[in-house]
């Protein structure tokens, strides 16, 4: 089972590289596939940052439009992965959104933790463990708004959107070592808040 999971991850990485290669050549069909692949992740990232569903939809659409325009007008050789490019543009767009609206809002979370997440049945996991995990997730998402923006951002990128250290480093313009330290500090701060 673990071997199948590793194989699937490697297949996804290969497909993303192939897709990114086509997009670098300004292939519209490849970009549409990338849109379908990343729309839910980017929407979730934006929603966690601005906590307004309508505006998150609009901003997510604008992010993909900006990404396509960037690809059309610039060289994308600075980015190793397509996902890093899209998240970088998403992060910049969120910053622009806050500058434009010049008001900071508190991030709101639903207690049931849905946010477009997909749940898969796991017959091997017992019900009590599943309830405990859901309860822990709800407690953590409830405490995330109490963290500094920088800490909250790396936790969302790493653990909710499952980005690699390299991708996060590209997105926030920091070294991999700095990202590791930032994640460590963010988790420590979150642990202290939760306790």
C-alpha atoms as a PDB file:
ATOM      1  CA  UNK A   1       0.000   0.000   0.000  1.00  0.00           C
ATOM      2  CA  UNK A   2       2.842   2.408   0.858  1.00  0.00           C
ATOM      3  CA  UNK A   3       4.518   1.519  -2.430  1.00  0.00           C
ATOM      4  CA  UNK A   4       1.350   2.460  -4.331  1.00  0.00           C
ATOM      5  CA  UNK A   5       1.223   5.799  -2.527  1.00  0.00           C
ATOM      6  CA  UNK A   6       4.855   6.549  -3.412  1.00  0.00           C
ATOM      7  CA  UNK A   7       4.187   5.548  -7.014  1.00  0.00           C
ATOM      8  CA  UNK A   8       1.157   7.874  -7.175  1.00  0.00           C
ATOM      9  CA  UNK A   9       3.176  10.767  -5.743  1.00  0.00           C
ATOM     10  CA  UNK A  10       5.956  10.212  -8.297  1.00  0.00           C
ATOM     11  CA  UNK A  11       3.395  10.018 -11.114  1.00  0.00           C
ATOM     12  CA  UNK A  12       1.840  13.301  -9.958  1.00  0.00           C
ATOM     13  CA  UNK A  13       5.263  14.971  -9.843  1.00  0.00           C
ATOM     14  CA  UNK A  14       6.061  13.727 -13.363  1.00  0.00           C
ATOM     15  CA  UNK A  15       2.707  14.942 -14.667  1.00  0.00           C
ATOM     16  CA  UNK A  16       3.207  18.345 -13.050  1.00  0.00           C
ATOM     17  CA  UNK A  17       6.672  18.693 -14.621  1.00  0.00           C
ATOM     18  CA  UNK A  18       5.264  17.725 -18.014  1.00  0.00           C
ATOM     19  CA  UNK A  19       2.398  20.182 -17.581  1.00  0.00           C
ATOM     20  CA  UNK A  20       4.761  22.974 -16.503  1.00  0.00           C
ATOM     21  CA  UNK A  21       6.955  22.291 -19.519  1.00  0.00           C
ATOM     22  CA  UNK A  22       3.947  22.722 -21.822  1.00  0.00           C
ATOM     23  CA  UNK A  23       2.841  25.860 -19.999  1.00  0.00           C
ATOM     24  CA  UNK A  24       6.295  27.387 -20.437  1.00  0.00           C
ATOM     25  CA  UNK A  25       5.615  27.035 -24.163  1.00  0.00           C
ATOM     26  CA  UNK A  26       2.345  28.970 -23.625  1.00  0.00           C
ATOM     27  CA  UNK A  27       0.064  25.972 -24.200  1.00  0.00           C
ATOM     28  CA  UNK A  28      -3.487  27.049 -23.292  1.00  0.00           C
ATOM     29  CA  UNK A  29      -4.818  23.497 -22.874  1.00  0.00           C
ATOM     30  CA  UNK A  30      -2.033  22.703 -20.409  1.00  0.00           C
ATOM     31  CA  UNK A  31      -2.892  25.838 -18.445  1.00  0.00           C
ATOM     32  CA  UNK A  32      -6.551  24.783 -18.299  1.00  0.00           C
ATOM     33  CA  UNK A  33      -5.446  21.430 -16.870  1.00  0.00           C
ATOM     34  CA  UNK A  34      -3.305  23.275 -14.317  1.00  0.00           C
ATOM     35  CA  UNK A  35      -6.304  25.413 -13.417  1.00  0.00           C
ATOM     36  CA  UNK A  36      -8.388  22.296 -12.778  1.00  0.00           C
ATOM     37  CA  UNK A  37      -5.548  20.750 -10.800  1.00  0.00           C
ATOM     38  CA  UNK A  38      -4.915  23.712  -8.466  1.00  0.00           C
ATOM     39  CA  UNK A  39      -8.189  25.662  -8.252  1.00  0.00           C
ATOM     40  CA  UNK A  40      -9.369  24.027  -5.013  1.00  0.00           C
ATOM     41  CA  UNK A  41      -6.007  24.408  -3.275  1.00  0.00           C
ATOM     42  CA  UNK A  42      -5.633  28.050  -4.251  1.00  0.00           C
ATOM     43  CA  UNK A  43      -9.213  28.857  -3.275  1.00  0.00           C
ATOM     44  CA  UNK A  44      -8.663  27.246   0.138  1.00  0.00           C
ATOM     45  CA  UNK A  45      -5.412  29.200   0.596  1.00  0.00           C
ATOM     46  CA  UNK A  46      -7.133  32.482  -0.306  1.00  0.00           C
ATOM     47  CA  UNK A  47     -10.182  31.735   1.829  1.00  0.00           C
ATOM     48  CA  UNK A  48      -8.006  31.015   4.867  1.00  0.00           C
ATOM     49  CA  UNK A  49      -6.368  34.412   4.370  1.00  0.00           C
ATOM     50  CA  UNK A  50      -9.398  36.641   3.684  1.00  0.00           C
ATOM     51  CA  UNK A  51     -12.310  34.586   5.118  1.00  0.00           C
ATOM     52  CA  UNK A  52     -14.923  35.825   2.656  1.00  0.00           C
ATOM     53  CA  UNK A  53     -16.229  33.221   0.193  1.00  0.00           C
ATOM     54  CA  UNK A  54     -17.327  35.645  -2.539  1.00  0.00           C
ATOM     55  CA  UNK A  55     -14.134  37.658  -2.461  1.00  0.00           C
ATOM     56  CA  UNK A  56     -12.071  34.464  -2.274  1.00  0.00           C
ATOM     57  CA  UNK A  57     -13.782  33.263  -5.482  1.00  0.00           C
ATOM     58  CA  UNK A  58     -13.083  36.555  -7.247  1.00  0.00           C
ATOM     59  CA  UNK A  59      -9.500  36.717  -6.044  1.00  0.00           C
ATOM     60  CA  UNK A  60      -8.841  33.094  -7.003  1.00  0.00           C
ATOM     61  CA  UNK A  61     -10.042  33.799 -10.552  1.00  0.00           C
ATOM     62  CA  UNK A  62      -7.857  36.891 -10.679  1.00  0.00           C
ATOM     63  CA  UNK A  63      -4.851  34.850  -9.479  1.00  0.00           C
ATOM     64  CA  UNK A  64      -5.164  32.403 -12.351  1.00  0.00           C
ATOM     65  CA  UNK A  65      -5.619  35.259 -14.812  1.00  0.00           C
ATOM     66  CA  UNK A  66      -2.476  36.941 -13.429  1.00  0.00           C
ATOM     67  CA  UNK A  67      -0.631  33.629 -13.657  1.00  0.00           C
ATOM     68  CA  UNK A  68      -1.562  33.228 -17.328  1.00  0.00           C
ATOM     69  CA  UNK A  69      -0.593  36.833 -18.062  1.00  0.00           C
ATOM     70  CA  UNK A  70       2.720  36.323 -16.255  1.00  0.00           C
ATOM     71  CA  UNK A  71       3.401  33.225 -18.330  1.00  0.00           C
ATOM     72  CA  UNK A  72       2.554  35.113 -21.537  1.00  0.00           C
ATOM     73  CA  UNK A  73       4.709  38.143 -20.747  1.00  0.00           C
ATOM     74  CA  UNK A  74       7.626  36.777 -18.711  1.00  0.00           C
ATOM     75  CA  UNK A  75      10.066  33.953 -18.491  1.00  0.00           C
ATOM     76  CA  UNK A  76       9.021  31.403 -15.908  1.00  0.00           C
ATOM     77  CA  UNK A  77      12.494  29.917 -15.521  1.00  0.00           C
ATOM     78  CA  UNK A  78      12.781  31.460 -12.034  1.00  0.00           C
ATOM     79  CA  UNK A  79      10.311  28.868 -10.747  1.00  0.00           C
ATOM     80  CA  UNK A  80      11.065  25.174 -10.390  1.00  0.00           C
ATOM     81  CA  UNK A  81       7.430  24.111 -10.095  1.00  0.00           C
ATOM     82  CA  UNK A  82       4.145  25.382 -11.392  1.00  0.00           C
ATOM     83  CA  UNK A  83       2.624  25.164  -7.935  1.00  0.00           C
ATOM     84  CA  UNK A  84       5.300  27.488  -6.529  1.00  0.00           C
ATOM     85  CA  UNK A  85       4.571  30.036  -9.272  1.00  0.00           C
ATOM     86  CA  UNK A  86       0.825  29.983  -8.642  1.00  0.00           C
ATOM     87  CA  UNK A  87       1.214  30.238  -4.857  1.00  0.00           C
ATOM     88  CA  UNK A  88       3.695  33.102  -5.243  1.00  0.00           C
ATOM     89  CA  UNK A  89       1.174  35.016  -7.362  1.00  0.00           C
ATOM     90  CA  UNK A  90      -1.601  34.102  -4.896  1.00  0.00           C
ATOM     91  CA  UNK A  91       0.415  35.417  -1.967  1.00  0.00           C
ATOM     92  CA  UNK A  92       1.205  38.662  -3.788  1.00  0.00           C
ATOM     93  CA  UNK A  93      -2.444  39.043  -4.787  1.00  0.00           C
ATOM     94  CA  UNK A  94      -3.577  38.639  -1.182  1.00  0.00           C
ATOM     95  CA  UNK A  95      -1.106  41.314  -0.081  1.00  0.00           C
ATOM     96  CA  UNK A  96      -2.430  43.606  -2.837  1.00  0.00           C
ATOM     97  CA  UNK A  97      -5.983  42.828  -1.746  1.00  0.00           C
ATOM     98  CA  UNK A  98      -5.258  43.975   1.796  1.00  0.00           C
ATOM     99  CA  UNK A  99      -3.456  47.087   0.583  1.00  0.00           C
ATOM    100  CA  UNK A 100      -6.365  47.975  -1.674  1.00  0.00           C
ATOM    101  CA  UNK A 101      -8.963  47.469   1.024  1.00  0.00           C
ATOM    102  CA  UNK A 102      -6.686  48.922   3.710  1.00  0.00           C
ATOM    103  CA  UNK A 103      -8.404  47.037   6.458  1.00  0.00           C
ATOM    104  CA  UNK A 104      -7.184  43.897   8.117  1.00  0.00           C
ATOM    105  CA  UNK A 105      -9.752  41.286   8.990  1.00  0.00           C
ATOM    106  CA  UNK A 106      -9.574  38.333  11.299  1.00  0.00           C
ATOM    107  CA  UNK A 107      -9.527  34.959   9.591  1.00  0.00           C
ATOM    108  CA  UNK A 108     -12.661  32.988  10.426  1.00  0.00           C
ATOM    109  CA  UNK A 109     -12.826  29.196  10.390  1.00  0.00           C
ATOM    110  CA  UNK A 110     -15.776  26.918  10.313  1.00  0.00           C
ATOM    111  CA  UNK A 111     -15.666  24.479  13.169  1.00  0.00           C
ATOM    112  CA  UNK A 112     -16.497  21.490  11.010  1.00  0.00           C
ATOM    113  CA  UNK A 113     -13.323  22.032   8.970  1.00  0.00           C
ATOM    114  CA  UNK A 114     -14.917  21.487   5.546  1.00  0.00           C
ATOM    115  CA  UNK A 115     -13.425  24.242   3.293  1.00  0.00           C
ATOM    116  CA  UNK A 116     -13.778  22.077   0.255  1.00  0.00           C
ATOM    117  CA  UNK A 117     -11.752  19.229   1.739  1.00  0.00           C
ATOM    118  CA  UNK A 118     -12.503  15.769   0.540  1.00  0.00           C
ATOM    119  CA  UNK A 119     -12.918  12.953   3.018  1.00  0.00           C
ATOM    120  CA  UNK A 120     -12.112   9.389   2.154  1.00  0.00           C
ATOM    121  CA  UNK A 121     -13.400   6.440   4.154  1.00  0.00           C
ATOM    122  CA  UNK A 122     -10.690   4.448   5.899  1.00  0.00           C
ATOM    123  CA  UNK A 123     -12.059   1.185   7.199  1.00  0.00           C
ATOM    124  CA  UNK A 124      -8.882   0.472   9.178  1.00  0.00           C
ATOM    125  CA  UNK A 125      -9.204   3.585  11.336  1.00  0.00           C
ATOM    126  CA  UNK A 126     -11.404   3.193  14.387  1.00  0.00           C
ATOM    127  CA  UNK A 127     -14.242   5.617  15.013  1.00  0.00           C
ATOM    128  CA  UNK A 128     -12.867   6.987  18.292  1.00  0.00           C
ATOM    129  CA  UNK A 129      -9.545   7.852  16.664  1.00  0.00           C
ATOM    130  CA  UNK A 130     -11.399   9.557  13.794  1.00  0.00           C
ATOM    131  CA  UNK A 131     -13.446  11.657  16.231  1.00  0.00           C
ATOM    132  CA  UNK A 132     -10.285  12.596  18.140  1.00  0.00           C
ATOM    133  CA  UNK A 133      -8.543  13.705  14.926  1.00  0.00           C
ATOM    134  CA  UNK A 134     -11.549  15.796  13.844  1.00  0.00           C
ATOM    135  CA  UNK A 135     -11.697  17.371  17.294  1.00  0.00           C
ATOM    136  CA  UNK A 136      -7.969  18.191  17.218  1.00  0.00           C
ATOM    137  CA  UNK A 137      -8.282  19.710  13.742  1.00  0.00           C
ATOM    138  CA  UNK A 138     -11.193  21.888  14.855  1.00  0.00           C
ATOM    139  CA  UNK A 139      -9.243  23.051  17.925  1.00  0.00           C
ATOM    140  CA  UNK A 140      -6.179  23.910  15.842  1.00  0.00           C
ATOM    141  CA  UNK A 141      -8.141  25.788  13.148  1.00  0.00           C
ATOM    142  CA  UNK A 142      -9.912  27.725  15.881  1.00  0.00           C
ATOM    143  CA  UNK A 143      -6.550  28.857  17.303  1.00  0.00           C
ATOM    144  CA  UNK A 144      -4.837  29.686  13.973  1.00  0.00           C
ATOM    145  CA  UNK A 145      -6.177  33.278  13.870  1.00  0.00           C
ATOM    146  CA  UNK A 146      -4.331  33.981  17.119  1.00  0.00           C
ATOM    147  CA  UNK A 147      -0.952  33.394  15.439  1.00  0.00           C
ATOM    148  CA  UNK A 148       1.123  36.059  13.729  1.00  0.00           C
ATOM    149  CA  UNK A 149       0.342  36.303   9.993  1.00  0.00           C
ATOM    150  CA  UNK A 150       3.746  34.919   9.062  1.00  0.00           C
ATOM    151  CA  UNK A 151       3.297  31.843  11.276  1.00  0.00           C
ATOM    152  CA  UNK A 152      -0.268  31.252  10.134  1.00  0.00           C
ATOM    153  CA  UNK A 153       0.798  31.460   6.490  1.00  0.00           C
ATOM    154  CA  UNK A 154       3.554  28.830   6.741  1.00  0.00           C
ATOM    155  CA  UNK A 155       1.310  26.454   8.691  1.00  0.00           C
ATOM    156  CA  UNK A 156      -1.397  26.730   6.036  1.00  0.00           C
ATOM    157  CA  UNK A 157       1.101  26.286   3.202  1.00  0.00           C
ATOM    158  CA  UNK A 158       2.903  23.337   4.800  1.00  0.00           C
ATOM    159  CA  UNK A 159       0.212  21.368   6.584  1.00  0.00           C
ATOM    160  CA  UNK A 160      -3.086  22.293   4.960  1.00  0.00           C
ATOM    161  CA  UNK A 161      -1.939  22.759   1.358  1.00  0.00           C
ATOM    162  CA  UNK A 162       0.935  20.267   1.769  1.00  0.00           C
ATOM    163  CA  UNK A 163       3.588  22.289  -0.053  1.00  0.00           C
ATOM    164  CA  UNK A 164       7.239  21.296   0.171  1.00  0.00           C
ATOM    165  CA  UNK A 165       9.862  23.361   2.002  1.00  0.00           C
ATOM    166  CA  UNK A 166      11.368  24.328  -1.389  1.00  0.00           C
ATOM    167  CA  UNK A 167       8.018  25.569  -2.702  1.00  0.00           C
ATOM    168  CA  UNK A 168       7.323  27.579   0.447  1.00  0.00           C
ATOM    169  CA  UNK A 169      10.824  29.095   0.251  1.00  0.00           C
ATOM    170  CA  UNK A 170      10.134  30.271  -3.300  1.00  0.00           C
ATOM    171  CA  UNK A 171       6.707  31.618  -2.392  1.00  0.00           C
ATOM    172  CA  UNK A 172       7.815  33.697   0.602  1.00  0.00           C
ATOM    173  CA  UNK A 173      11.298  34.600  -0.713  1.00  0.00           C
ATOM    174  CA  UNK A 174      13.258  32.966   2.103  1.00  0.00           C
ATOM    175  CA  UNK A 175      15.906  30.280   2.236  1.00  0.00           C
ATOM    176  CA  UNK A 176      14.918  26.680   2.953  1.00  0.00           C
ATOM    177  CA  UNK A 177      16.651  26.917   6.320  1.00  0.00           C
ATOM    178  CA  UNK A 178      14.695  30.034   7.228  1.00  0.00           C
ATOM    179  CA  UNK A 179      11.456  28.310   6.238  1.00  0.00           C
ATOM    180  CA  UNK A 180      12.267  25.314   8.456  1.00  0.00           C
ATOM    181  CA  UNK A 181      12.973  27.634  11.390  1.00  0.00           C
ATOM    182  CA  UNK A 182       9.792  29.593  10.694  1.00  0.00           C
ATOM    183  CA  UNK A 183       7.706  26.395  10.624  1.00  0.00           C
ATOM    184  CA  UNK A 184       9.318  25.209  13.864  1.00  0.00           C
ATOM    185  CA  UNK A 185       8.557  28.528  15.578  1.00  0.00           C
ATOM    186  CA  UNK A 186       5.021  28.605  14.176  1.00  0.00           C
ATOM    187  CA  UNK A 187       4.297  25.108  15.474  1.00  0.00           C
ATOM    188  CA  UNK A 188       5.788  25.977  18.862  1.00  0.00           C
ATOM    189  CA  UNK A 189       3.620  29.106  19.084  1.00  0.00           C
ATOM    190  CA  UNK A 190       0.531  27.151  18.005  1.00  0.00           C
ATOM    191  CA  UNK A 191       1.260  24.451  20.579  1.00  0.00           C
ATOM    192  CA  UNK A 192       1.548  27.090  23.321  1.00  0.00           C
ATOM    193  CA  UNK A 193      -1.755  28.687  22.280  1.00  0.00           C
ATOM    194  CA  UNK A 194      -3.525  25.315  22.174  1.00  0.00           C
ATOM    195  CA  UNK A 195      -2.250  24.328  25.618  1.00  0.00           C
END
